[in-house]
mmCIF file of all heavy atoms, coordinates in Angstrom:
data_MODEL
# 
_entry.id   MODEL 
# 
loop_
_atom_site.group_PDB 
_atom_site.id 
_atom_site.type_symbol 
_atom_site.label_atom_id 
_atom_site.label_alt_id 
_atom_site.label_comp_id 
_atom_site.label_asym_id 
_atom_site.label_entity_id 
_atom_site.label_seq_id 
_atom_site.pdbx_PDB_ins_code 
_atom_site.Cartn_x 
_atom_site.Cartn_y 
_atom_site.Cartn_z 
_atom_site.occupancy 
_atom_site.B_iso_or_equiv 
_atom_site.pdbx_formal_charge 
_atom_site.auth_seq_id 
_atom_site.auth_comp_id 
_atom_site.auth_asym_id 
_atom_site.auth_atom_id 
_atom_site.pdbx_PDB_model_num 
ATOM 1   N N   . GLY A 1 1  ? -1.938  16.589  -13.090 1.00 0.00 ? 1  GLY A N   1 
ATOM 2   C CA  . GLY A 1 1  ? -1.583  15.566  -14.006 1.00 0.00 ? 1  GLY A CA  1 
ATOM 3   C C   . GLY A 1 1  ? -0.994  14.339  -13.629 1.00 0.00 ? 1  GLY A C   1 
ATOM 4   O O   . GLY A 1 1  ? -0.713  13.393  -14.313 1.00 0.00 ? 1  GLY A O   1 
ATOM 5   N N   . GLY A 1 2  ? -0.911  14.165  -12.230 1.00 0.00 ? 2  GLY A N   1 
ATOM 6   C CA  . GLY A 1 2  ? -0.319  13.027  -11.684 1.00 0.00 ? 2  GLY A CA  1 
ATOM 7   C C   . GLY A 1 2  ? -1.220  11.871  -11.355 1.00 0.00 ? 2  GLY A C   1 
ATOM 8   O O   . GLY A 1 2  ? -0.837  10.873  -10.769 1.00 0.00 ? 2  GLY A O   1 
ATOM 9   N N   . VAL A 1 3  ? -2.510  11.926  -11.835 1.00 0.00 ? 3  VAL A N   1 
ATOM 10  C CA  . VAL A 1 3  ? -3.415  10.810  -11.686 1.00 0.00 ? 3  VAL A CA  1 
ATOM 11  C C   . VAL A 1 3  ? -3.791  10.376  -13.111 1.00 0.00 ? 3  VAL A C   1 
ATOM 12  O O   . VAL A 1 3  ? -4.446  11.177  -13.874 1.00 0.00 ? 3  VAL A O   1 
ATOM 13  C CB  . VAL A 1 3  ? -4.718  11.269  -10.861 1.00 0.00 ? 3  VAL A CB  1 
ATOM 14  C CG1 . VAL A 1 3  ? -5.621  10.151  -10.692 1.00 0.00 ? 3  VAL A CG1 1 
ATOM 15  C CG2 . VAL A 1 3  ? -4.232  11.740  -9.501  1.00 0.00 ? 3  VAL A CG2 1 
ATOM 16  N N   . LEU A 1 4  ? -3.547  9.240   -13.359 1.00 0.00 ? 4  LEU A N   1 
ATOM 17  C CA  . LEU A 1 4  ? -3.857  8.633   -14.792 1.00 0.00 ? 4  LEU A CA  1 
ATOM 18  C C   . LEU A 1 4  ? -5.033  7.732   -14.811 1.00 0.00 ? 4  LEU A C   1 
ATOM 19  O O   . LEU A 1 4  ? -5.322  7.050   -13.906 1.00 0.00 ? 4  LEU A O   1 
ATOM 20  C CB  . LEU A 1 4  ? -2.671  7.890   -15.377 1.00 0.00 ? 4  LEU A CB  1 
ATOM 21  C CG  . LEU A 1 4  ? -1.489  8.641   -15.969 1.00 0.00 ? 4  LEU A CG  1 
ATOM 22  C CD1 . LEU A 1 4  ? -0.888  9.729   -15.010 1.00 0.00 ? 4  LEU A CD1 1 
ATOM 23  C CD2 . LEU A 1 4  ? -0.350  7.651   -16.408 1.00 0.00 ? 4  LEU A CD2 1 
ATOM 24  N N   . PRO A 1 5  ? -5.827  7.798   -15.828 1.00 0.00 ? 5  PRO A N   1 
ATOM 25  C CA  . PRO A 1 5  ? -6.945  6.871   -15.937 1.00 0.00 ? 5  PRO A CA  1 
ATOM 26  C C   . PRO A 1 5  ? -6.489  5.341   -15.645 1.00 0.00 ? 5  PRO A C   1 
ATOM 27  O O   . PRO A 1 5  ? -5.455  5.000   -16.181 1.00 0.00 ? 5  PRO A O   1 
ATOM 28  C CB  . PRO A 1 5  ? -7.425  7.025   -17.362 1.00 0.00 ? 5  PRO A CB  1 
ATOM 29  C CG  . PRO A 1 5  ? -6.975  8.423   -17.699 1.00 0.00 ? 5  PRO A CG  1 
ATOM 30  C CD  . PRO A 1 5  ? -5.724  8.604   -17.088 1.00 0.00 ? 5  PRO A CD  1 
ATOM 31  N N   . GLY A 1 6  ? -7.215  4.622   -14.850 1.00 0.00 ? 6  GLY A N   1 
ATOM 32  C CA  . GLY A 1 6  ? -6.931  3.264   -14.679 1.00 0.00 ? 6  GLY A CA  1 
ATOM 33  C C   . GLY A 1 6  ? -5.815  3.099   -13.484 1.00 0.00 ? 6  GLY A C   1 
ATOM 34  O O   . GLY A 1 6  ? -6.123  2.557   -12.581 1.00 0.00 ? 6  GLY A O   1 
ATOM 35  N N   . PHE A 1 7  ? -4.663  3.619   -13.758 1.00 0.00 ? 7  PHE A N   1 
ATOM 36  C CA  . PHE A 1 7  ? -3.631  3.579   -12.738 1.00 0.00 ? 7  PHE A CA  1 
ATOM 37  C C   . PHE A 1 7  ? -4.135  4.224   -11.516 1.00 0.00 ? 7  PHE A C   1 
ATOM 38  O O   . PHE A 1 7  ? -3.804  3.810   -10.466 1.00 0.00 ? 7  PHE A O   1 
ATOM 39  C CB  . PHE A 1 7  ? -2.395  4.161   -13.322 1.00 0.00 ? 7  PHE A CB  1 
ATOM 40  C CG  . PHE A 1 7  ? -1.750  3.450   -14.450 1.00 0.00 ? 7  PHE A CG  1 
ATOM 41  C CD1 . PHE A 1 7  ? -1.849  3.804   -15.696 1.00 0.00 ? 7  PHE A CD1 1 
ATOM 42  C CD2 . PHE A 1 7  ? -0.918  2.373   -14.176 1.00 0.00 ? 7  PHE A CD2 1 
ATOM 43  C CE1 . PHE A 1 7  ? -1.132  3.252   -16.841 1.00 0.00 ? 7  PHE A CE1 1 
ATOM 44  C CE2 . PHE A 1 7  ? -0.255  1.596   -15.226 1.00 0.00 ? 7  PHE A CE2 1 
ATOM 45  C CZ  . PHE A 1 7  ? -0.392  2.126   -16.507 1.00 0.00 ? 7  PHE A CZ  1 
ATOM 46  N N   . GLY A 1 8  ? -4.745  5.338   -11.658 1.00 0.00 ? 8  GLY A N   1 
ATOM 47  C CA  . GLY A 1 8  ? -5.374  6.098   -10.607 1.00 0.00 ? 8  GLY A CA  1 
ATOM 48  C C   . GLY A 1 8  ? -6.421  5.403   -9.814  1.00 0.00 ? 8  GLY A C   1 
ATOM 49  O O   . GLY A 1 8  ? -6.459  5.351   -8.551  1.00 0.00 ? 8  GLY A O   1 
ATOM 50  N N   . ASP A 1 9  ? -7.213  4.596   -10.478 1.00 0.00 ? 9  ASP A N   1 
ATOM 51  C CA  . ASP A 1 9  ? -8.222  3.663   -9.834  1.00 0.00 ? 9  ASP A CA  1 
ATOM 52  C C   . ASP A 1 9  ? -7.525  2.558   -8.956  1.00 0.00 ? 9  ASP A C   1 
ATOM 53  O O   . ASP A 1 9  ? -8.069  2.430   -7.830  1.00 0.00 ? 9  ASP A O   1 
ATOM 54  C CB  . ASP A 1 9  ? -9.058  2.937   -10.924 1.00 0.00 ? 9  ASP A CB  1 
ATOM 55  C CG  . ASP A 1 9  ? -9.897  3.927   -11.701 1.00 0.00 ? 9  ASP A CG  1 
ATOM 56  O OD1 . ASP A 1 9  ? -9.212  4.496   -12.699 1.00 0.00 ? 9  ASP A OD1 1 
ATOM 57  O OD2 . ASP A 1 9  ? -11.089 4.037   -11.408 1.00 0.00 ? 9  ASP A OD2 1 
ATOM 58  N N   . GLN A 1 10 ? -6.477  2.045   -9.368  1.00 0.00 ? 10 GLN A N   1 
ATOM 59  C CA  . GLN A 1 10 ? -5.703  1.125   -8.498  1.00 0.00 ? 10 GLN A CA  1 
ATOM 60  C C   . GLN A 1 10 ? -5.073  1.793   -7.314  1.00 0.00 ? 10 GLN A C   1 
ATOM 61  O O   . GLN A 1 10 ? -5.208  1.361   -6.261  1.00 0.00 ? 10 GLN A O   1 
ATOM 62  C CB  . GLN A 1 10 ? -4.537  0.418   -9.337  1.00 0.00 ? 10 GLN A CB  1 
ATOM 63  C CG  . GLN A 1 10 ? -5.140  -0.352  -10.548 1.00 0.00 ? 10 GLN A CG  1 
ATOM 64  C CD  . GLN A 1 10 ? -4.056  -0.839  -11.504 1.00 0.00 ? 10 GLN A CD  1 
ATOM 65  O OE1 . GLN A 1 10 ? -2.976  -0.229  -11.554 1.00 0.00 ? 10 GLN A OE1 1 
ATOM 66  N NE2 . GLN A 1 10 ? -4.458  -1.782  -12.313 1.00 0.00 ? 10 GLN A NE2 1 
ATOM 67  N N   . ARG A 1 11 ? -4.634  2.979   -7.562  1.00 0.00 ? 11 ARG A N   1 
ATOM 68  C CA  . ARG A 1 11 ? -4.033  3.657   -6.464  1.00 0.00 ? 11 ARG A CA  1 
ATOM 69  C C   . ARG A 1 11 ? -5.028  4.104   -5.335  1.00 0.00 ? 11 ARG A C   1 
ATOM 70  O O   . ARG A 1 11 ? -4.636  4.130   -4.077  1.00 0.00 ? 11 ARG A O   1 
ATOM 71  C CB  . ARG A 1 11 ? -3.265  4.951   -6.996  1.00 0.00 ? 11 ARG A CB  1 
ATOM 72  C CG  . ARG A 1 11 ? -2.516  5.753   -5.859  1.00 0.00 ? 11 ARG A CG  1 
ATOM 73  C CD  . ARG A 1 11 ? -1.387  5.008   -5.174  1.00 0.00 ? 11 ARG A CD  1 
ATOM 74  N NE  . ARG A 1 11 ? -0.747  5.625   -4.228  1.00 0.00 ? 11 ARG A NE  1 
ATOM 75  C CZ  . ARG A 1 11 ? 0.021   5.101   -3.208  1.00 0.00 ? 11 ARG A CZ  1 
ATOM 76  N NH1 . ARG A 1 11 ? -0.027  3.745   -3.036  1.00 0.00 ? 11 ARG A NH1 1 
ATOM 77  N NH2 . ARG A 1 11 ? 0.596   5.818   -2.257  1.00 0.00 ? 11 ARG A NH2 1 
ATOM 78  N N   . GLU A 1 12 ? -6.195  4.341   -5.758  1.00 0.00 ? 12 GLU A N   1 
ATOM 79  C CA  . GLU A 1 12 ? -7.282  4.718   -4.856  1.00 0.00 ? 12 GLU A CA  1 
ATOM 80  C C   . GLU A 1 12 ? -7.458  3.625   -3.909  1.00 0.00 ? 12 GLU A C   1 
ATOM 81  O O   . GLU A 1 12 ? -7.636  3.812   -2.583  1.00 0.00 ? 12 GLU A O   1 
ATOM 82  C CB  . GLU A 1 12 ? -8.595  5.028   -5.575  1.00 0.00 ? 12 GLU A CB  1 
ATOM 83  C CG  . GLU A 1 12 ? -9.851  4.992   -4.779  1.00 0.00 ? 12 GLU A CG  1 
ATOM 84  C CD  . GLU A 1 12 ? -9.845  6.206   -3.840  1.00 0.00 ? 12 GLU A CD  1 
ATOM 85  O OE1 . GLU A 1 12 ? -9.168  7.208   -4.010  1.00 0.00 ? 12 GLU A OE1 1 
ATOM 86  O OE2 . GLU A 1 12 ? -10.594 6.109   -2.893  1.00 0.00 ? 12 GLU A OE2 1 
ATOM 87  N N   . LEU A 1 13 ? -7.489  2.301   -4.293  1.00 0.00 ? 13 LEU A N   1 
ATOM 88  C CA  . LEU A 1 13 ? -7.625  1.167   -3.356  1.00 0.00 ? 13 LEU A CA  1 
ATOM 89  C C   . LEU A 1 13 ? -6.510  1.140   -2.358  1.00 0.00 ? 13 LEU A C   1 
ATOM 90  O O   . LEU A 1 13 ? -6.699  0.919   -1.108  1.00 0.00 ? 13 LEU A O   1 
ATOM 91  C CB  . LEU A 1 13 ? -7.708  -0.155  -3.977  1.00 0.00 ? 13 LEU A CB  1 
ATOM 92  C CG  . LEU A 1 13 ? -9.106  -0.466  -4.506  1.00 0.00 ? 13 LEU A CG  1 
ATOM 93  C CD1 . LEU A 1 13 ? -9.456  0.132   -5.896  1.00 0.00 ? 13 LEU A CD1 1 
ATOM 94  C CD2 . LEU A 1 13 ? -9.366  -1.949  -4.691  1.00 0.00 ? 13 LEU A CD2 1 
ATOM 95  N N   . GLU A 1 14 ? -5.202  1.290   -2.784  1.00 0.00 ? 14 GLU A N   1 
ATOM 96  C CA  . GLU A 1 14 ? -4.057  1.404   -1.979  1.00 0.00 ? 14 GLU A CA  1 
ATOM 97  C C   . GLU A 1 14 ? -4.267  2.430   -0.815  1.00 0.00 ? 14 GLU A C   1 
ATOM 98  O O   . GLU A 1 14 ? -3.908  2.172   0.339   1.00 0.00 ? 14 GLU A O   1 
ATOM 99  C CB  . GLU A 1 14 ? -2.796  1.507   -2.817  1.00 0.00 ? 14 GLU A CB  1 
ATOM 100 C CG  . GLU A 1 14 ? -2.447  0.352   -3.737  1.00 0.00 ? 14 GLU A CG  1 
ATOM 101 C CD  . GLU A 1 14 ? -1.353  0.585   -4.669  1.00 0.00 ? 14 GLU A CD  1 
ATOM 102 O OE1 . GLU A 1 14 ? -1.058  1.689   -4.854  1.00 0.00 ? 14 GLU A OE1 1 
ATOM 103 O OE2 . GLU A 1 14 ? -0.977  -0.315  -5.322  1.00 0.00 ? 14 GLU A OE2 1 
ATOM 104 N N   . LEU A 1 15 ? -4.702  3.603   -1.239  1.00 0.00 ? 15 LEU A N   1 
ATOM 105 C CA  . LEU A 1 15 ? -4.904  4.692   -0.354  1.00 0.00 ? 15 LEU A CA  1 
ATOM 106 C C   . LEU A 1 15 ? -6.014  4.412   0.732   1.00 0.00 ? 15 LEU A C   1 
ATOM 107 O O   . LEU A 1 15 ? -5.904  4.849   1.834   1.00 0.00 ? 15 LEU A O   1 
ATOM 108 C CB  . LEU A 1 15 ? -5.039  6.044   -0.988  1.00 0.00 ? 15 LEU A CB  1 
ATOM 109 C CG  . LEU A 1 15 ? -3.765  6.447   -1.842  1.00 0.00 ? 15 LEU A CG  1 
ATOM 110 C CD1 . LEU A 1 15 ? -4.042  7.738   -2.631  1.00 0.00 ? 15 LEU A CD1 1 
ATOM 111 C CD2 . LEU A 1 15 ? -2.688  6.860   -0.847  1.00 0.00 ? 15 LEU A CD2 1 
ATOM 112 N N   . LEU A 1 16 ? -7.023  3.754   0.221   1.00 0.00 ? 16 LEU A N   1 
ATOM 113 C CA  . LEU A 1 16 ? -8.052  3.527   1.193   1.00 0.00 ? 16 LEU A CA  1 
ATOM 114 C C   . LEU A 1 16 ? -7.573  2.508   2.259   1.00 0.00 ? 16 LEU A C   1 
ATOM 115 O O   . LEU A 1 16 ? -7.940  2.567   3.382   1.00 0.00 ? 16 LEU A O   1 
ATOM 116 C CB  . LEU A 1 16 ? -9.195  2.790   0.460   1.00 0.00 ? 16 LEU A CB  1 
ATOM 117 C CG  . LEU A 1 16 ? -10.203 3.756   -0.288  1.00 0.00 ? 16 LEU A CG  1 
ATOM 118 C CD1 . LEU A 1 16 ? -11.084 2.895   -1.139  1.00 0.00 ? 16 LEU A CD1 1 
ATOM 119 C CD2 . LEU A 1 16 ? -10.835 4.655   0.516   1.00 0.00 ? 16 LEU A CD2 1 
ATOM 120 N N   . VAL A 1 17 ? -6.735  1.545   1.930   1.00 0.00 ? 17 VAL A N   1 
ATOM 121 C CA  . VAL A 1 17 ? -5.981  0.777   2.810   1.00 0.00 ? 17 VAL A CA  1 
ATOM 122 C C   . VAL A 1 17 ? -5.152  1.440   3.870   1.00 0.00 ? 17 VAL A C   1 
ATOM 123 O O   . VAL A 1 17 ? -5.047  1.295   5.014   1.00 0.00 ? 17 VAL A O   1 
ATOM 124 C CB  . VAL A 1 17 ? -5.329  -0.498  2.200   1.00 0.00 ? 17 VAL A CB  1 
ATOM 125 C CG1 . VAL A 1 17 ? -4.533  -1.300  3.126   1.00 0.00 ? 17 VAL A CG1 1 
ATOM 126 C CG2 . VAL A 1 17 ? -6.246  -1.285  1.458   1.00 0.00 ? 17 VAL A CG2 1 
ATOM 127 N N   . GLU A 1 18 ? -4.472  2.454   3.275   1.00 0.00 ? 18 GLU A N   1 
ATOM 128 C CA  . GLU A 1 18 ? -3.560  3.393   4.082   1.00 0.00 ? 18 GLU A CA  1 
ATOM 129 C C   . GLU A 1 18 ? -4.429  4.119   5.065   1.00 0.00 ? 18 GLU A C   1 
ATOM 130 O O   . GLU A 1 18 ? -4.139  4.389   6.205   1.00 0.00 ? 18 GLU A O   1 
ATOM 131 C CB  . GLU A 1 18 ? -2.889  4.257   3.275   1.00 0.00 ? 18 GLU A CB  1 
ATOM 132 C CG  . GLU A 1 18 ? -1.952  5.326   4.011   1.00 0.00 ? 18 GLU A CG  1 
ATOM 133 C CD  . GLU A 1 18 ? -1.271  6.291   3.218   1.00 0.00 ? 18 GLU A CD  1 
ATOM 134 O OE1 . GLU A 1 18 ? -0.863  5.991   2.111   1.00 0.00 ? 18 GLU A OE1 1 
ATOM 135 O OE2 . GLU A 1 18 ? -0.914  7.332   3.720   1.00 0.00 ? 18 GLU A OE2 1 
ATOM 136 N N   . ALA A 1 19 ? -5.740  4.351   4.744   1.00 0.00 ? 19 ALA A N   1 
ATOM 137 C CA  . ALA A 1 19 ? -6.700  5.113   5.585   1.00 0.00 ? 19 ALA A CA  1 
ATOM 138 C C   . ALA A 1 19 ? -7.276  4.301   6.650   1.00 0.00 ? 19 ALA A C   1 
ATOM 139 O O   . ALA A 1 19 ? -7.821  4.797   7.575   1.00 0.00 ? 19 ALA A O   1 
ATOM 140 C CB  . ALA A 1 19 ? -7.820  5.625   4.693   1.00 0.00 ? 19 ALA A CB  1 
ATOM 141 N N   . GLY A 1 20 ? -7.108  2.981   6.620   1.00 0.00 ? 20 GLY A N   1 
ATOM 142 C CA  . GLY A 1 20 ? -7.581  2.158   7.754   1.00 0.00 ? 20 GLY A CA  1 
ATOM 143 C C   . GLY A 1 20 ? -8.607  1.106   7.296   1.00 0.00 ? 20 GLY A C   1 
ATOM 144 O O   . GLY A 1 20 ? -8.940  0.291   8.177   1.00 0.00 ? 20 GLY A O   1 
ATOM 145 N N   . PHE A 1 21 ? -8.938  1.097   6.100   1.00 0.00 ? 21 PHE A N   1 
ATOM 146 C CA  . PHE A 1 21 ? -9.852  0.021   5.610   1.00 0.00 ? 21 PHE A CA  1 
ATOM 147 C C   . PHE A 1 21 ? -9.032  -1.295  5.302   1.00 0.00 ? 21 PHE A C   1 
ATOM 148 O O   . PHE A 1 21 ? -7.860  -1.180  4.974   1.00 0.00 ? 21 PHE A O   1 
ATOM 149 C CB  . PHE A 1 21 ? -10.469 0.425   4.231   1.00 0.00 ? 21 PHE A CB  1 
ATOM 150 C CG  . PHE A 1 21 ? -11.491 1.565   4.352   1.00 0.00 ? 21 PHE A CG  1 
ATOM 151 C CD1 . PHE A 1 21 ? -11.016 2.889   4.252   1.00 0.00 ? 21 PHE A CD1 1 
ATOM 152 C CD2 . PHE A 1 21 ? -12.725 1.375   4.449   1.00 0.00 ? 21 PHE A CD2 1 
ATOM 153 C CE1 . PHE A 1 21 ? -11.877 3.948   4.300   1.00 0.00 ? 21 PHE A CE1 1 
ATOM 154 C CE2 . PHE A 1 21 ? -13.681 2.389   4.642   1.00 0.00 ? 21 PHE A CE2 1 
ATOM 155 C CZ  . PHE A 1 21 ? -13.230 3.754   4.458   1.00 0.00 ? 21 PHE A CZ  1 
ATOM 156 N N   . SER A 1 22 ? -9.626  -2.338  5.568   1.00 0.00 ? 22 SER A N   1 
ATOM 157 C CA  . SER A 1 22 ? -8.968  -3.735  5.201   1.00 0.00 ? 22 SER A CA  1 
ATOM 158 C C   . SER A 1 22 ? -8.920  -3.764  3.702   1.00 0.00 ? 22 SER A C   1 
ATOM 159 O O   . SER A 1 22 ? -9.860  -3.145  2.938   1.00 0.00 ? 22 SER A O   1 
ATOM 160 C CB  . SER A 1 22 ? -9.760  -4.819  5.851   1.00 0.00 ? 22 SER A CB  1 
ATOM 161 O OG  . SER A 1 22 ? -10.951 -5.017  5.044   1.00 0.00 ? 22 SER A OG  1 
ATOM 162 N N   . PRO A 1 23 ? -8.061  -4.534  3.141   1.00 0.00 ? 23 PRO A N   1 
ATOM 163 C CA  . PRO A 1 23 ? -8.113  -4.715  1.760   1.00 0.00 ? 23 PRO A CA  1 
ATOM 164 C C   . PRO A 1 23 ? -9.314  -5.170  1.159   1.00 0.00 ? 23 PRO A C   1 
ATOM 165 O O   . PRO A 1 23 ? -9.862  -4.638  0.172   1.00 0.00 ? 23 PRO A O   1 
ATOM 166 C CB  . PRO A 1 23 ? -6.935  -5.745  1.458   1.00 0.00 ? 23 PRO A CB  1 
ATOM 167 C CG  . PRO A 1 23 ? -5.984  -5.536  2.472   1.00 0.00 ? 23 PRO A CG  1 
ATOM 168 C CD  . PRO A 1 23 ? -6.831  -5.205  3.768   1.00 0.00 ? 23 PRO A CD  1 
ATOM 169 N N   . LEU A 1 24 ? -10.151 -6.008  1.751   1.00 0.00 ? 24 LEU A N   1 
ATOM 170 C CA  . LEU A 1 24 ? -11.466 -6.600  1.395   1.00 0.00 ? 24 LEU A CA  1 
ATOM 171 C C   . LEU A 1 24 ? -12.496 -5.386  1.543   1.00 0.00 ? 24 LEU A C   1 
ATOM 172 O O   . LEU A 1 24 ? -13.218 -5.350  0.596   1.00 0.00 ? 24 LEU A O   1 
ATOM 173 C CB  . LEU A 1 24 ? -11.819 -7.729  2.271   1.00 0.00 ? 24 LEU A CB  1 
ATOM 174 C CG  . LEU A 1 24 ? -11.083 -9.001  2.103   1.00 0.00 ? 24 LEU A CG  1 
ATOM 175 C CD1 . LEU A 1 24 ? -11.424 -10.069 3.158   1.00 0.00 ? 24 LEU A CD1 1 
ATOM 176 C CD2 . LEU A 1 24 ? -11.323 -9.518  0.595   1.00 0.00 ? 24 LEU A CD2 1 
ATOM 177 N N   . GLU A 1 25 ? -12.361 -4.541  2.411   1.00 0.00 ? 25 GLU A N   1 
ATOM 178 C CA  . GLU A 1 25 ? -13.261 -3.443  2.571   1.00 0.00 ? 25 GLU A CA  1 
ATOM 179 C C   . GLU A 1 25 ? -12.979 -2.412  1.382   1.00 0.00 ? 25 GLU A C   1 
ATOM 180 O O   . GLU A 1 25 ? -13.894 -1.910  0.885   1.00 0.00 ? 25 GLU A O   1 
ATOM 181 C CB  . GLU A 1 25 ? -13.099 -2.735  3.886   1.00 0.00 ? 25 GLU A CB  1 
ATOM 182 C CG  . GLU A 1 25 ? -13.686 -3.418  5.033   1.00 0.00 ? 25 GLU A CG  1 
ATOM 183 C CD  . GLU A 1 25 ? -13.317 -2.837  6.385   1.00 0.00 ? 25 GLU A CD  1 
ATOM 184 O OE1 . GLU A 1 25 ? -12.234 -2.109  6.473   1.00 0.00 ? 25 GLU A OE1 1 
ATOM 185 O OE2 . GLU A 1 25 ? -14.242 -2.795  7.364   1.00 0.00 ? 25 GLU A OE2 1 
ATOM 186 N N   . ALA A 1 26 ? -11.706 -2.289  1.013   1.00 0.00 ? 26 ALA A N   1 
ATOM 187 C CA  . ALA A 1 26 ? -11.360 -1.225  -0.040  1.00 0.00 ? 26 ALA A CA  1 
ATOM 188 C C   . ALA A 1 26 ? -11.927 -1.699  -1.297  1.00 0.00 ? 26 ALA A C   1 
ATOM 189 O O   . ALA A 1 26 ? -12.401 -1.024  -2.115  1.00 0.00 ? 26 ALA A O   1 
ATOM 190 C CB  . ALA A 1 26 ? -9.820  -1.044  -0.013  1.00 0.00 ? 26 ALA A CB  1 
ATOM 191 N N   . ILE A 1 27 ? -11.726 -2.999  -1.575  1.00 0.00 ? 27 ILE A N   1 
ATOM 192 C CA  . ILE A 1 27 ? -12.210 -3.658  -2.760  1.00 0.00 ? 27 ILE A CA  1 
ATOM 193 C C   . ILE A 1 27 ? -13.713 -3.557  -2.864  1.00 0.00 ? 27 ILE A C   1 
ATOM 194 O O   . ILE A 1 27 ? -14.329 -3.226  -3.967  1.00 0.00 ? 27 ILE A O   1 
ATOM 195 C CB  . ILE A 1 27 ? -11.846 -5.099  -2.832  1.00 0.00 ? 27 ILE A CB  1 
ATOM 196 C CG1 . ILE A 1 27 ? -10.331 -5.209  -3.097  1.00 0.00 ? 27 ILE A CG1 1 
ATOM 197 C CG2 . ILE A 1 27 ? -12.489 -5.799  -3.981  1.00 0.00 ? 27 ILE A CG2 1 
ATOM 198 C CD1 . ILE A 1 27 ? -9.641  -6.598  -2.961  1.00 0.00 ? 27 ILE A CD1 1 
ATOM 199 N N   . ARG A 1 28 ? -14.387 -3.658  -1.847  1.00 0.00 ? 28 ARG A N   1 
ATOM 200 C CA  . ARG A 1 28 ? -15.844 -3.529  -1.645  1.00 0.00 ? 28 ARG A CA  1 
ATOM 201 C C   . ARG A 1 28 ? -16.287 -2.145  -2.075  1.00 0.00 ? 28 ARG A C   1 
ATOM 202 O O   . ARG A 1 28 ? -17.179 -1.819  -2.891  1.00 0.00 ? 28 ARG A O   1 
ATOM 203 C CB  . ARG A 1 28 ? -16.536 -3.988  -0.381  1.00 0.00 ? 28 ARG A CB  1 
ATOM 204 C CG  . ARG A 1 28 ? -17.992 -3.673  -0.380  1.00 0.00 ? 28 ARG A CG  1 
ATOM 205 C CD  . ARG A 1 28 ? -18.630 -4.234  0.836   1.00 0.00 ? 28 ARG A CD  1 
ATOM 206 N NE  . ARG A 1 28 ? -20.123 -3.919  0.770   1.00 0.00 ? 28 ARG A NE  1 
ATOM 207 C CZ  . ARG A 1 28 ? -21.146 -4.455  1.462   1.00 0.00 ? 28 ARG A CZ  1 
ATOM 208 N NH1 . ARG A 1 28 ? -20.711 -5.420  2.382   1.00 0.00 ? 28 ARG A NH1 1 
ATOM 209 N NH2 . ARG A 1 28 ? -22.299 -4.220  1.327   1.00 0.00 ? 28 ARG A NH2 1 
ATOM 210 N N   . VAL A 1 29 ? -15.576 -1.085  -1.504  1.00 0.00 ? 29 VAL A N   1 
ATOM 211 C CA  . VAL A 1 29 ? -15.858 0.295   -1.790  1.00 0.00 ? 29 VAL A CA  1 
ATOM 212 C C   . VAL A 1 29 ? -15.781 0.509   -3.355  1.00 0.00 ? 29 VAL A C   1 
ATOM 213 O O   . VAL A 1 29 ? -16.553 1.250   -3.912  1.00 0.00 ? 29 VAL A O   1 
ATOM 214 C CB  . VAL A 1 29 ? -14.843 1.147   -1.154  1.00 0.00 ? 29 VAL A CB  1 
ATOM 215 C CG1 . VAL A 1 29 ? -14.950 2.632   -1.638  1.00 0.00 ? 29 VAL A CG1 1 
ATOM 216 C CG2 . VAL A 1 29 ? -15.124 1.168   0.407   1.00 0.00 ? 29 VAL A CG2 1 
ATOM 217 N N   . ALA A 1 30 ? -14.663 -0.014  -4.039  1.00 0.00 ? 30 ALA A N   1 
ATOM 218 C CA  . ALA A 1 30 ? -14.370 0.159   -5.421  1.00 0.00 ? 30 ALA A CA  1 
ATOM 219 C C   . ALA A 1 30 ? -15.250 -0.678  -6.398  1.00 0.00 ? 30 ALA A C   1 
ATOM 220 O O   . ALA A 1 30 ? -15.142 -0.533  -7.461  1.00 0.00 ? 30 ALA A O   1 
ATOM 221 C CB  . ALA A 1 30 ? -12.905 0.021   -5.590  1.00 0.00 ? 30 ALA A CB  1 
ATOM 222 N N   . THR A 1 31 ? -16.045 -1.657  -5.827  1.00 0.00 ? 31 THR A N   1 
ATOM 223 C CA  . THR A 1 31 ? -16.860 -2.464  -6.623  1.00 0.00 ? 31 THR A CA  1 
ATOM 224 C C   . THR A 1 31 ? -18.237 -2.494  -6.345  1.00 0.00 ? 31 THR A C   1 
ATOM 225 O O   . THR A 1 31 ? -19.097 -1.805  -7.046  1.00 0.00 ? 31 THR A O   1 
ATOM 226 C CB  . THR A 1 31 ? -16.233 -3.883  -6.668  1.00 0.00 ? 31 THR A CB  1 
ATOM 227 O OG1 . THR A 1 31 ? -16.244 -4.426  -5.233  1.00 0.00 ? 31 THR A OG1 1 
ATOM 228 C CG2 . THR A 1 31 ? -14.794 -3.998  -7.184  1.00 0.00 ? 31 THR A CG2 1 
# 
């Protein structure tokens, strides 16, 4: 229950950056 619609989508990008993707790469993954 700790992942909310919408808010969780934003958090996914933050975690991709933590994984080593650049912010621009993370945005591309999500778009």
